[in-house]
Structures are given as C-alpha cells and as structure tokens.
Amino acid sequence: MSTRPRGISRCGLSRSSCCSAAPSCSSPGCGACGAPVTRLVADPGFVHRLRVRYAEVDAQGVVFNAHWLTYFDEASTRFFDWLGYDPRVAFFSEFDVMVVHADLSWEGPAGFDDEVEIAVVPVRLGTSSFDLRFTATVRSEPTCTGVTTYVSVTPGTHDATPLPDDLRARLAKVAELD
C-alpha cells in the first residue's frame, strides 16, 4: 500500500499537474490519468530522477559541485508537488520557504548522461523551519548527499513565520525524524 498523500498520483505529481505534464512524460505507470511518468515514488518517500547534461560536468568528468544544489532544488520542487502543492500556485501564495543553510557531501562520481535518482525526505521539523535530506545515487551507488534547511516566510516578504499547519502535517507524514 502506498503512503502517498491524498490527491497525489503514482508519478509523484498532484493530479492536476500530472495530467498537464503527460505529453512530456516517458515512462509507464501513472495511476491518475493513465499517462506515462518520469518520476518514481518509493514507499514511503519520494525520488526524483534527472539526467546529467554535458554543461554540468567539469574537467574532471564529474558533476561540478555547485550543480548538486540546483539538482536538490529541482528535487525539492517536485517533492512539494508530490505533497500536493502545485509549485505554480503554492509558492508565493499559500506559503513560501527560503534556504538558510545547505550541507553537501560528495560520495562518488556522476558523469555526463548518467541518470541520477535523488531521494528526498524531511528529517527535522522546527517551529518555522525544517530540514530536507537529499540522497543522490547513480545505478544505486551513492554520489552526493545533502541536508538543506528551509525557513518558512510570509509570502512576498523575508519575514520568518511558523510553518503552516497543513504543510507541517504533510511533512510529518513522510518524515524520518530522530
């Protein structure tokens, strides 16, 4: 049985986003609209897939370190979508978050055209902030891990505010808290 939040398709997108993304999907298996999908949802967490582009690889033949934060940002956007927050609507209106700290550890190589899978899981919930842990792998081998701290802000400002109750509940449902 899946632990997906209500209203979330197997591909990890909200049902409305899933159906609008269908023309660009490339893998079978969406339960919401029957369209193919590109994201894998593992029980109980979330995994985002991407391919390393030529421009993201450095002279050493591996993903340049700064790109991992971009990859993790992309994964967090898809993670919020998986939780039921359409990024085109939720951010800046329902709630907003800002990165206040990021920690990265390089574990192994990811090179041009490798498929990277990034697992995302909440690992800390505070009053106005939370941490997401990112675990990136290529062919099931660790490549990079990271933890990013986000602070909840009032949309349109930089003023910290407590996490909205609905967001806290959705994060807690899929969190791995100590």
Protein backbone atom coordinates (compact mmCIF):
# COMPACT_ATOMS: atom_id res chain seq x y z
CA MET A 1 0.00 0.00 0.00
CA SER A 2 1.25 3.46 -0.87
CA THR A 3 1.76 6.19 1.68
CA ARG A 4 1.17 8.95 -0.87
CA PRO A 5 -0.76 11.92 0.44
CA ARG A 6 -4.34 12.15 -0.81
CA GLY A 7 -4.67 13.65 -4.30
CA ILE A 8 -1.21 12.53 -5.41
CA SER A 9 -0.73 10.28 -8.43
CA ARG A 10 1.82 7.45 -8.56
CA CYS A 11 4.13 9.59 -10.67
CA GLY A 12 4.57 11.97 -7.74
CA LEU A 13 2.73 14.95 -9.20
CA SER A 14 -0.51 16.41 -7.98
CA ARG A 15 -3.29 15.02 -10.13
CA SER A 16 -3.78 18.33 -11.98
CA SER A 17 -0.04 18.69 -12.66
CA CYS A 18 0.25 15.05 -13.68
CA CYS A 19 -2.37 15.35 -16.38
CA SER A 20 -0.86 18.57 -17.72
CA ALA A 21 2.64 17.02 -17.76
CA ALA A 22 1.53 13.87 -19.57
CA PRO A 23 2.75 14.86 -23.06
CA SER A 24 6.34 15.19 -21.80
CA CYS A 25 6.43 12.02 -19.71
CA SER A 26 8.38 8.99 -20.90
CA SER A 27 7.84 6.04 -18.53
CA PRO A 28 4.73 3.90 -17.99
CA GLY A 29 2.70 3.77 -14.84
CA CYS A 30 0.66 6.84 -13.89
CA GLY A 31 -2.37 5.89 -11.84
CA ALA A 32 -4.12 9.26 -12.07
CA CYS A 33 -4.56 9.78 -15.78
CA GLY A 34 -3.00 6.69 -17.36
CA ALA A 35 -0.23 8.80 -18.90
CA PRO A 36 3.41 7.77 -18.71
CA VAL A 37 5.55 9.32 -15.98
CA THR A 38 9.17 10.30 -15.32
CA ARG A 39 9.24 10.25 -11.52
CA LEU A 40 9.45 7.30 -9.18
CA VAL A 41 7.72 7.39 -5.83
CA ALA A 42 9.18 4.94 -3.36
CA ASP A 43 7.24 3.98 -0.26
CA PRO A 44 7.21 5.92 1.97
CA GLY A 45 9.40 8.60 0.39
CA PHE A 46 9.97 10.41 -2.85
CA VAL A 47 12.62 10.00 -5.56
CA HIS A 48 13.27 12.49 -8.37
CA ARG A 49 15.15 11.42 -11.50
CA LEU A 50 17.23 13.58 -13.82
CA ARG A 51 19.93 13.16 -16.47
CA VAL A 52 23.28 14.91 -16.16
CA ARG A 53 23.75 17.39 -19.01
CA TYR A 54 27.07 17.99 -20.77
CA ALA A 55 27.33 21.56 -19.43
CA GLU A 56 27.08 20.31 -15.82
CA VAL A 57 30.25 18.18 -15.96
CA ASP A 58 33.63 19.69 -15.07
CA ALA A 59 37.13 18.97 -16.41
CA GLN A 60 37.39 16.00 -14.02
CA GLY A 61 34.45 14.35 -15.78
CA VAL A 62 32.04 14.58 -12.84
CA VAL A 63 29.12 16.85 -11.95
CA PHE A 64 30.53 20.22 -10.86
CA ASN A 65 29.85 20.65 -7.13
CA ALA A 66 27.57 23.72 -7.41
CA HIS A 67 25.16 21.82 -9.64
CA TRP A 68 24.23 19.49 -6.79
CA LEU A 69 22.40 22.38 -5.09
CA THR A 70 20.49 23.01 -8.32
CA TYR A 71 19.62 19.31 -8.55
CA PHE A 72 18.47 19.31 -4.92
CA ASP A 73 16.40 22.45 -5.54
CA GLU A 74 14.71 20.76 -8.52
CA ALA A 75 14.06 17.68 -6.38
CA SER A 76 12.57 19.79 -3.57
CA THR A 77 10.17 21.50 -6.01
CA ARG A 78 8.98 18.11 -7.26
CA PHE A 79 8.79 16.90 -3.64
CA PHE A 80 6.44 19.75 -2.72
CA ASP A 81 4.37 18.94 -5.82
CA TRP A 82 4.26 15.30 -4.65
CA LEU A 83 2.97 16.54 -1.29
CA GLY A 84 0.11 18.24 -3.14
CA TYR A 85 1.46 21.77 -3.51
CA ASP A 86 1.44 22.79 -7.17
CA PRO A 87 4.58 24.98 -7.36
CA ARG A 88 2.90 27.44 -9.72
CA VAL A 89 0.23 28.10 -7.09
CA ALA A 90 1.61 27.25 -3.65
CA PHE A 91 4.87 29.16 -3.58
CA PHE A 92 4.31 32.88 -3.11
CA SER A 93 0.61 32.46 -2.21
CA GLU A 94 -0.12 29.56 0.18
CA PHE A 95 3.32 29.54 1.77
CA ASP A 96 6.92 30.27 0.86
CA VAL A 97 10.28 29.00 2.06
CA MET A 98 13.88 30.20 1.79
CA VAL A 99 17.09 28.20 2.05
CA VAL A 100 19.11 29.33 5.07
CA HIS A 101 21.70 26.53 5.17
CA ALA A 102 22.94 23.77 2.88
CA ASP A 103 25.41 20.98 3.57
CA LEU A 104 26.82 18.72 0.82
CA SER A 105 28.99 15.60 0.89
CA TRP A 106 30.45 14.18 -2.31
CA GLU A 107 30.30 10.38 -2.23
CA GLY A 108 31.13 9.26 -5.78
CA PRO A 109 31.02 10.20 -9.45
CA ALA A 110 28.07 11.17 -11.60
CA GLY A 111 29.02 11.97 -15.19
CA PHE A 112 27.53 13.09 -18.48
CA ASP A 113 24.21 11.42 -19.33
CA ASP A 114 24.08 9.43 -16.08
CA GLU A 115 20.61 9.09 -14.62
CA VAL A 116 20.66 10.47 -11.08
CA GLU A 117 18.00 9.44 -8.58
CA ILE A 118 17.52 11.84 -5.68
CA ALA A 119 15.59 10.64 -2.64
CA VAL A 120 14.05 13.46 -0.59
CA VAL A 121 12.89 13.08 2.99
CA PRO A 122 12.16 15.57 5.80
CA VAL A 123 14.48 14.88 8.75
CA ARG A 124 13.68 17.80 11.09
CA LEU A 125 10.61 19.93 11.77
CA GLY A 126 11.04 23.10 13.81
CA THR A 127 8.66 25.93 14.63
CA SER A 128 9.40 27.95 11.50
CA SER A 129 11.98 25.79 9.71
CA PHE A 130 12.58 22.25 8.52
CA ASP A 131 15.37 20.16 7.03
CA LEU A 132 15.19 18.02 3.90
CA ARG A 133 17.77 15.28 3.34
CA PHE A 134 18.76 14.52 -0.25
CA THR A 135 20.43 11.24 -1.20
CA ALA A 136 21.64 11.09 -4.81
CA THR A 137 22.62 7.82 -6.47
CA VAL A 138 23.67 6.61 -9.92
CA ARG A 139 22.97 2.93 -10.63
CA SER A 140 22.20 2.55 -6.89
CA GLU A 141 25.68 3.84 -5.94
CA PRO A 142 25.88 6.92 -3.67
CA THR A 143 27.06 10.09 -5.42
CA CYS A 144 26.12 13.05 -3.21
CA THR A 145 24.18 13.63 -0.02
CA GLY A 146 22.94 16.87 1.40
CA VAL A 147 20.76 18.47 4.02
CA THR A 148 19.09 21.79 3.34
CA THR A 149 17.42 23.93 6.00
CA TYR A 150 14.40 25.91 4.85
CA VAL A 151 12.71 28.68 6.83
CA SER A 152 9.03 29.46 6.35
CA VAL A 153 8.46 33.08 5.35
CA THR A 154 5.37 35.17 4.80
CA PRO A 155 4.77 35.14 1.01
CA GLY A 156 6.20 38.26 -0.61
CA THR A 157 8.48 39.03 2.35
CA HIS A 158 11.59 37.72 4.05
CA ASP A 159 9.86 37.60 7.44
CA ALA A 160 10.05 34.23 9.22
CA THR A 161 6.70 32.76 10.18
CA PRO A 162 5.63 29.46 11.77
CA LEU A 163 5.18 26.55 9.38
CA PRO A 164 1.56 26.41 8.19
CA ASP A 165 -0.30 23.58 9.98
CA ASP A 166 -1.17 21.83 6.70
CA LEU A 167 2.46 21.90 5.49
CA ARG A 168 3.70 20.65 8.87
CA ALA A 169 1.21 17.76 8.79
CA ARG A 170 2.18 16.74 5.25
CA LEU A 171 5.90 16.90 6.03
CA ALA A 172 5.44 14.94 9.28
CA LYS A 173 3.52 12.20 7.46
CA VAL A 174 6.57 11.29 5.33
CA ALA A 175 9.38 12.41 7.69
CA GLU A 176 12.16 10.33 9.20
CA LEU A 177 12.56 12.16 12.49
CA ASP A 178 15.01 11.17 15.23
